[in-house]
Amino acid sequence: MSTLPPPDVQKFPESSLEKKVYNIVESFKEYLPIANDRNRLGFNLYKYMKGEGDDPSIIVKNAKVQINRITEKELAEKLKIAIEKLS
């Protein structure tokens, strides 16, 4: 029995809000070692940017991500500053 190849994944354009938000989260890769945690955080930040989510300080706390070498408060502050640059 053989397995099928995975489906193609459609990438977001570089100018899209989704890509910009996920790139912000990827830039904090040194503090967030688990890829799935970064994806979850990126999704929550994207919802925040659309006006549907919570503030980054709440997102970081509720997302239950593993954070290394930085506190939750410091990470939330860095995310907030990076997101404000997008607006």
Protein backbone atom coordinates (compact mmCIF):
# COMPACT_ATOMS: atom_id res chain seq x y z
CA MET A 1 0.00 0.00 0.00
CA SER A 2 1.37 3.38 -0.89
CA THR A 3 0.59 6.81 0.45
CA LEU A 4 -0.56 9.75 -1.57
CA PRO A 5 1.50 12.92 -1.78
CA PRO A 6 0.30 15.78 0.43
CA PRO A 7 -2.02 18.34 -1.15
CA ASP A 8 -0.53 21.51 -2.55
CA VAL A 9 -0.58 24.42 -0.15
CA GLN A 10 -1.55 27.79 -1.52
CA LYS A 11 0.79 30.48 -0.19
CA PHE A 12 -0.40 33.96 0.76
CA PRO A 13 0.88 36.85 -1.37
CA GLU A 14 3.72 38.80 0.30
CA SER A 15 1.55 41.93 0.46
CA SER A 16 -1.36 40.24 2.29
CA LEU A 17 -2.15 40.95 5.92
CA GLU A 18 -1.97 37.24 6.72
CA LYS A 19 1.58 36.93 5.42
CA LYS A 20 2.73 40.07 7.24
CA VAL A 21 1.30 38.90 10.57
CA TYR A 22 2.73 35.38 10.24
CA ASN A 23 6.13 36.88 9.30
CA ILE A 24 6.06 38.96 12.49
CA VAL A 25 5.50 35.83 14.55
CA GLU A 26 8.24 33.97 12.63
CA SER A 27 10.65 36.78 13.47
CA PHE A 28 10.30 35.75 17.14
CA LYS A 29 11.34 32.18 16.35
CA GLU A 30 14.15 32.32 18.91
CA TYR A 31 11.58 32.83 21.69
CA LEU A 32 8.94 30.45 20.27
CA PRO A 33 10.70 27.17 19.38
CA ILE A 34 7.59 25.14 18.47
CA ALA A 35 6.25 25.75 14.95
CA ASN A 36 2.66 24.92 15.90
CA ASP A 37 2.80 27.52 18.70
CA ARG A 38 3.92 30.13 16.18
CA ASN A 39 1.06 29.19 13.84
CA ARG A 40 -1.50 29.42 16.65
CA LEU A 41 -0.12 32.77 17.76
CA GLY A 42 -0.08 34.04 14.16
CA PHE A 43 -3.72 33.05 13.68
CA ASN A 44 -4.76 34.83 16.86
CA LEU A 45 -2.83 37.96 15.91
CA TYR A 46 -4.41 37.92 12.47
CA LYS A 47 -7.86 37.81 14.10
CA TYR A 48 -6.77 40.75 16.30
CA MET A 49 -5.72 42.75 13.24
CA LYS A 50 -9.13 42.13 11.68
CA GLY A 51 -10.81 43.45 14.83
CA GLU A 52 -12.09 40.06 15.95
CA GLY A 53 -9.51 39.05 18.55
CA ASP A 54 -7.99 40.06 21.85
CA ASP A 55 -5.05 42.33 22.60
CA PRO A 56 -1.60 40.71 22.20
CA SER A 57 -1.10 40.66 25.98
CA ILE A 58 -4.18 38.44 26.32
CA ILE A 59 -3.36 36.38 23.22
CA VAL A 60 0.10 35.41 24.50
CA LYS A 61 -1.31 34.38 27.86
CA ASN A 62 -4.27 32.39 26.49
CA ALA A 63 -2.45 30.74 23.56
CA LYS A 64 -0.40 28.65 26.02
CA VAL A 65 2.72 28.79 23.88
CA GLN A 66 6.12 27.65 25.06
CA ILE A 67 8.31 30.73 25.49
CA ASN A 68 12.10 30.64 25.96
CA ARG A 69 14.49 33.36 27.22
CA ILE A 70 11.79 36.03 27.55
CA THR A 71 8.71 36.62 29.69
CA GLU A 72 5.13 36.58 28.44
CA LYS A 73 4.84 40.29 29.13
CA GLU A 74 8.00 41.14 27.15
CA LEU A 75 6.88 38.98 24.21
CA ALA A 76 3.44 40.59 24.19
CA GLU A 77 5.03 44.05 24.21
CA LYS A 78 7.35 43.17 21.31
CA LEU A 79 4.42 41.75 19.33
CA LYS A 80 2.34 44.84 19.98
CA ILE A 81 5.14 47.13 18.78
CA ALA A 82 5.66 45.03 15.63
CA ILE A 83 1.94 45.02 14.85
CA GLU A 84 1.65 48.79 15.33
CA LYS A 85 4.28 49.21 12.61
CA LEU A 86 1.92 47.42 10.17
CA SER A 87 -0.94 49.82 10.82
